[in-house]
PDB file of N, CA and C in Angstrom:
ATOM      1  N   MET A   1     -17.905  -5.588 -22.526  1.00  0.00           N
ATOM      2  CA  MET A   1     -16.710  -4.774 -22.350  1.00  0.00           C
ATOM      3  C   MET A   1     -17.122  -3.333 -22.108  1.00  0.00           C
ATOM      4  N   ALA A   2     -16.453  -2.692 -21.180  1.00  0.00           N
ATOM      5  CA  ALA A   2     -16.769  -1.324 -20.829  1.00  0.00           C
ATOM      6  C   ALA A   2     -16.149  -0.362 -21.831  1.00  0.00           C
ATOM      7  N   VAL A   3     -16.887   0.703 -22.129  1.00  0.00           N
ATOM      8  CA  VAL A   3     -16.427   1.729 -23.057  1.00  0.00           C
ATOM      9  C   VAL A   3     -15.878   2.899 -22.249  1.00  0.00           C
ATOM     10  N   ASN A   4     -14.706   3.372 -22.623  1.00  0.00           N
ATOM     11  CA  ASN A   4     -14.090   4.503 -21.922  1.00  0.00           C
ATOM     12  C   ASN A   4     -14.617   5.797 -22.535  1.00  0.00           C
ATOM     13  N   ILE A   5     -15.458   6.538 -21.783  1.00  0.00           N
ATOM     14  CA  ILE A   5     -16.003   7.797 -22.286  1.00  0.00           C
ATOM     15  C   ILE A   5     -15.255   9.000 -21.717  1.00  0.00           C
ATOM     16  N   SER A   6     -14.374   8.749 -20.773  1.00  0.00           N
ATOM     17  CA  SER A   6     -13.603   9.838 -20.187  1.00  0.00           C
ATOM     18  C   SER A   6     -12.411  10.155 -21.080  1.00  0.00           C
ATOM     19  N   LYS A   7     -12.054  11.420 -21.173  1.00  0.00           N
ATOM     20  CA  LYS A   7     -10.922  11.851 -21.999  1.00  0.00           C
ATOM     21  C   LYS A   7      -9.631  11.951 -21.191  1.00  0.00           C
ATOM     22  N   LYS A   8      -9.662  11.496 -19.939  1.00  0.00           N
ATOM     23  CA  LYS A   8      -8.484  11.593 -19.082  1.00  0.00           C
ATOM     24  C   LYS A   8      -7.394  10.643 -19.557  1.00  0.00           C
ATOM     25  N   LYS A   9      -6.146  11.109 -19.476  1.00  0.00           N
ATOM     26  CA  LYS A   9      -4.985  10.306 -19.825  1.00  0.00           C
ATOM     27  C   LYS A   9      -4.022  10.318 -18.647  1.00  0.00           C
ATOM     28  N   PRO A  10      -3.119   9.334 -18.578  1.00  0.00           N
ATOM     29  CA  PRO A  10      -2.156   9.325 -17.481  1.00  0.00           C
ATOM     30  C   PRO A  10      -1.230  10.547 -17.517  1.00  0.00           C
ATOM     31  N   LEU A  11      -0.908  11.066 -16.339  1.00  0.00           N
ATOM     32  CA  LEU A  11       0.062  12.143 -16.211  1.00  0.00           C
ATOM     33  C   LEU A  11       1.441  11.521 -16.054  1.00  0.00           C
ATOM     34  N   THR A  12       2.455  12.155 -16.578  1.00  0.00           N
ATOM     35  CA  THR A  12       3.816  11.660 -16.413  1.00  0.00           C
ATOM     36  C   THR A  12       4.551  12.555 -15.434  1.00  0.00           C
ATOM     37  N   ALA A  13       5.403  11.919 -14.642  1.00  0.00           N
ATOM     38  CA  ALA A  13       6.171  12.640 -13.634  1.00  0.00           C
ATOM     39  C   ALA A  13       7.442  11.852 -13.349  1.00  0.00           C
ATOM     40  N   ASN A  14       8.234  12.350 -12.431  1.00  0.00           N
ATOM     41  CA  ASN A  14       9.459  11.672 -12.035  1.00  0.00           C
ATOM     42  C   ASN A  14       9.365  11.233 -10.587  1.00  0.00           C
ATOM     43  N   ASN A  15       9.863  10.020 -10.304  1.00  0.00           N
ATOM     44  CA  ASN A  15      10.146   9.624  -8.929  1.00  0.00           C
ATOM     45  C   ASN A  15      11.511  10.194  -8.588  1.00  0.00           C
ATOM     46  N   ARG A  16      11.640  10.802  -7.421  1.00  0.00           N
ATOM     47  CA  ARG A  16      12.913  11.377  -7.006  1.00  0.00           C
ATOM     48  C   ARG A  16      13.415  10.660  -5.757  1.00  0.00           C
ATOM     49  N   SER A  17      14.643  10.177  -5.820  1.00  0.00           N
ATOM     50  CA  SER A  17      15.258   9.548  -4.658  1.00  0.00           C
ATOM     51  C   SER A  17      15.955  10.618  -3.816  1.00  0.00           C
ATOM     52  N   LYS A  18      16.496  10.210  -2.685  1.00  0.00           N
ATOM     53  CA  LYS A  18      17.223  11.166  -1.837  1.00  0.00           C
ATOM     54  C   LYS A  18      18.499  11.646  -2.512  1.00  0.00           C
ATOM     55  N   ALA A  19      19.018  10.841  -3.449  1.00  0.00           N
ATOM     56  CA  ALA A  19      20.196  11.239  -4.215  1.00  0.00           C
ATOM     57  C   ALA A  19      19.807  12.059  -5.446  1.00  0.00           C
ATOM     58  N   CYS A  20      18.531  12.407  -5.561  1.00  0.00           N
ATOM     59  CA  CYS A  20      17.980  13.226  -6.634  1.00  0.00           C
ATOM     60  C   CYS A  20      18.036  12.532  -8.000  1.00  0.00           C
ATOM     61  N   ASN A  21      18.042  11.183  -7.986  1.00  0.00           N
ATOM     62  CA  ASN A  21      17.929  10.440  -9.238  1.00  0.00           C
ATOM     63  C   ASN A  21      16.483  10.496  -9.698  1.00  0.00           C
ATOM     64  N   ALA A  22      16.286  10.601 -11.006  1.00  0.00           N
ATOM     65  CA  ALA A  22      14.936  10.699 -11.556  1.00  0.00           C
ATOM     66  C   ALA A  22      14.610   9.457 -12.365  1.00  0.00           C
ATOM     67  N   THR A  23      13.475   8.830 -12.064  1.00  0.00           N
ATOM     68  CA  THR A  23      12.966   7.729 -12.877  1.00  0.00           C
ATOM     69  C   THR A  23      11.534   8.063 -13.248  1.00  0.00           C
ATOM     70  N   LYS A  24      11.152   7.741 -14.476  1.00  0.00           N
ATOM     71  CA  LYS A  24       9.821   8.091 -14.967  1.00  0.00           C
ATOM     72  C   LYS A  24       8.746   7.259 -14.285  1.00  0.00           C
ATOM     73  N   ARG A  25       7.586   7.876 -14.069  1.00  0.00           N
ATOM     74  CA  ARG A  25       6.427   7.170 -13.537  1.00  0.00           C
ATOM     75  C   ARG A  25       5.180   7.772 -14.148  1.00  0.00           C
ATOM     76  N   LYS A  26       4.057   7.103 -13.998  1.00  0.00           N
ATOM     77  CA  LYS A  26       2.781   7.593 -14.510  1.00  0.00           C
ATOM     78  C   LYS A  26       1.767   7.646 -13.376  1.00  0.00           C
ATOM     79  N   GLN A  27       0.941   8.683 -13.391  1.00  0.00           N
ATOM     80  CA  GLN A  27      -0.191   8.782 -12.480  1.00  0.00           C
ATOM     81  C   GLN A  27      -1.431   8.492 -13.301  1.00  0.00           C
ATOM     82  N   LYS A  28      -2.056   7.337 -13.056  1.00  0.00           N
ATOM     83  CA  LYS A  28      -3.206   6.925 -13.838  1.00  0.00           C
ATOM     84  C   LYS A  28      -4.484   7.541 -13.264  1.00  0.00           C
ATOM     85  N   PRO A  29      -5.459   7.873 -14.124  1.00  0.00           N
ATOM     86  CA  PRO A  29      -6.727   8.406 -13.626  1.00  0.00           C
ATOM     87  C   PRO A  29      -7.516   7.325 -12.888  1.00  0.00           C
ATOM     88  N   ASN A  30      -8.353   7.749 -11.961  1.00  0.00           N
ATOM     89  CA  ASN A  30      -9.153   6.839 -11.138  1.00  0.00           C
ATOM     90  C   ASN A  30     -10.408   6.450 -11.916  1.00  0.00           C
ATOM     91  N   LEU A  31     -10.291   5.459 -12.796  1.00  0.00           N
ATOM     92  CA  LEU A  31     -11.420   5.031 -13.623  1.00  0.00           C
ATOM     93  C   LEU A  31     -12.250   3.995 -12.887  1.00  0.00           C
ATOM     94  N   GLN A  32     -13.566   4.181 -12.939  1.00  0.00           N
ATOM     95  CA  GLN A  32     -14.512   3.277 -12.306  1.00  0.00           C
ATOM     96  C   GLN A  32     -15.494   2.762 -13.345  1.00  0.00           C
ATOM     97  N   LYS A  33     -15.911   1.507 -13.218  1.00  0.00           N
ATOM     98  CA  LYS A  33     -16.886   0.927 -14.137  1.00  0.00           C
ATOM     99  C   LYS A  33     -18.284   1.201 -13.587  1.00  0.00           C
ATOM    100  N   LYS A  34     -19.104   1.896 -14.363  1.00  0.00           N
ATOM    101  CA  LYS A  34     -20.475   2.215 -13.980  1.00  0.00           C
ATOM    102  C   LYS A  34     -21.418   1.784 -15.090  1.00  0.00           C
ATOM    103  N   THR A  35     -22.662   1.518 -14.766  1.00  0.00           N
ATOM    104  CA  THR A  35     -23.673   1.172 -15.752  1.00  0.00           C
ATOM    105  C   THR A  35     -24.601   2.360 -15.934  1.00  0.00           C
ATOM    106  N   ILE A  36     -24.680   2.853 -17.178  1.00  0.00           N
ATOM    107  CA  ILE A  36     -25.537   3.986 -17.513  1.00  0.00           C
ATOM    108  C   ILE A  36     -26.426   3.564 -18.672  1.00  0.00           C
ATOM    109  N   ASN A  37     -27.725   3.603 -18.475  1.00  0.00           N
ATOM    110  CA  ASN A  37     -28.703   3.209 -19.492  1.00  0.00           C
ATOM    111  C   ASN A  37     -28.441   1.801 -20.020  1.00  0.00           C
ATOM    112  N   GLY A  38     -28.051   0.886 -19.142  1.00  0.00           N
ATOM    113  CA  GLY A  38     -27.820  -0.497 -19.532  1.00  0.00           C
ATOM    114  C   GLY A  38     -26.484  -0.762 -20.186  1.00  0.00           C
ATOM    115  N   LYS A  39     -25.627   0.250 -20.326  1.00  0.00           N
ATOM    116  CA  LYS A  39     -24.303   0.076 -20.933  1.00  0.00           C
ATOM    117  C   LYS A  39     -23.239   0.269 -19.864  1.00  0.00           C
ATOM    118  N   SER A  40     -22.223  -0.562 -19.917  1.00  0.00           N
ATOM    119  CA  SER A  40     -21.118  -0.470 -18.979  1.00  0.00           C
ATOM    120  C   SER A  40     -20.080   0.507 -19.534  1.00  0.00           C
ATOM    121  N   VAL A  41     -19.756   1.540 -18.739  1.00  0.00           N
ATOM    122  CA  VAL A  41     -18.814   2.565 -19.179  1.00  0.00           C
ATOM    123  C   VAL A  41     -17.759   2.786 -18.109  1.00  0.00           C
ATOM    124  N   LEU A  42     -16.600   3.264 -18.543  1.00  0.00           N
ATOM    125  CA  LEU A  42     -15.530   3.648 -17.628  1.00  0.00           C
ATOM    126  C   LEU A  42     -15.522   5.164 -17.521  1.00  0.00           C
ATOM    127  N   ILE A  43     -15.727   5.671 -16.320  1.00  0.00           N
ATOM    128  CA  ILE A  43     -15.668   7.112 -16.074  1.00  0.00           C
ATOM    129  C   ILE A  43     -14.805   7.343 -14.843  1.00  0.00           C
ATOM    130  N   THR A  44     -14.307   8.561 -14.703  1.00  0.00           N
ATOM    131  CA  THR A  44     -13.484   8.871 -13.543  1.00  0.00           C
ATOM    132  C   THR A  44     -14.370   8.986 -12.306  1.00  0.00           C
ATOM    133  N   ALA A  45     -13.769   8.828 -11.156  1.00  0.00           N
ATOM    134  CA  ALA A  45     -14.493   8.907  -9.888  1.00  0.00           C
ATOM    135  C   ALA A  45     -15.109  10.288  -9.713  1.00  0.00           C
ATOM    136  N   ARG A  46     -14.425  11.325 -10.173  1.00  0.00           N
ATOM    137  CA  ARG A  46     -14.945  12.689 -10.055  1.00  0.00           C
ATOM    138  C   ARG A  46     -16.208  12.864 -10.898  1.00  0.00           C
ATOM    139  N   GLU A  47     -16.184  12.303 -12.134  1.00  0.00           N
ATOM    140  CA  GLU A  47     -17.355  12.401 -12.996  1.00  0.00           C
ATOM    141  C   GLU A  47     -18.533  11.624 -12.398  1.00  0.00           C
ATOM    142  N   ALA A  48     -18.270  10.469 -11.802  1.00  0.00           N
ATOM    143  CA  ALA A  48     -19.320   9.670 -11.194  1.00  0.00           C
ATOM    144  C   ALA A  48     -19.932  10.417 -10.009  1.00  0.00           C
ATOM    145  N   LYS A  49     -19.093  11.109  -9.259  1.00  0.00           N
ATOM    146  CA  LYS A  49     -19.573  11.875  -8.107  1.00  0.00           C
ATOM    147  C   LYS A  49     -20.459  13.032  -8.554  1.00  0.00           C
ATOM    148  N   LYS A  50     -20.083  13.706  -9.657  1.00  0.00           N
ATOM    149  CA  LYS A  50     -20.888  14.805 -10.180  1.00  0.00           C
ATOM    150  C   LYS A  50     -22.234  14.325 -10.693  1.00  0.00           C
ATOM    151  N   MET A  51     -22.269  13.135 -11.307  1.00  0.00           N
ATOM    152  CA  MET A  51     -23.514  12.593 -11.858  1.00  0.00           C
ATOM    153  C   MET A  51     -24.510  12.248 -10.767  1.00  0.00           C
ATOM    154  N   SER A  52     -24.018  11.773  -9.609  1.00  0.00           N
ATOM    155  CA  SER A  52     -24.924  11.354  -8.544  1.00  0.00           C
ATOM    156  C   SER A  52     -25.451  12.547  -7.748  1.00  0.00           C
ATOM    157  N   ALA A  53     -24.768  13.683  -7.823  1.00  0.00           N
ATOM    158  CA  ALA A  53     -25.186  14.869  -7.052  1.00  0.00           C
ATOM    159  C   ALA A  53     -26.312  15.614  -7.724  1.00  0.00           C
TER     160      ALA A  53
END
């Protein structure tokens, strides 16, 4: 099982229709499964990009 080491949480926002009705939605972080030192971890795509650079 992958361990989540990222502190990112979903953002909350509203979907807006043309009639300006609001319904709740979530923007989830882009978590990717990577292997670091033989352990499977969940990190964001941005963090993975920084590690490879």
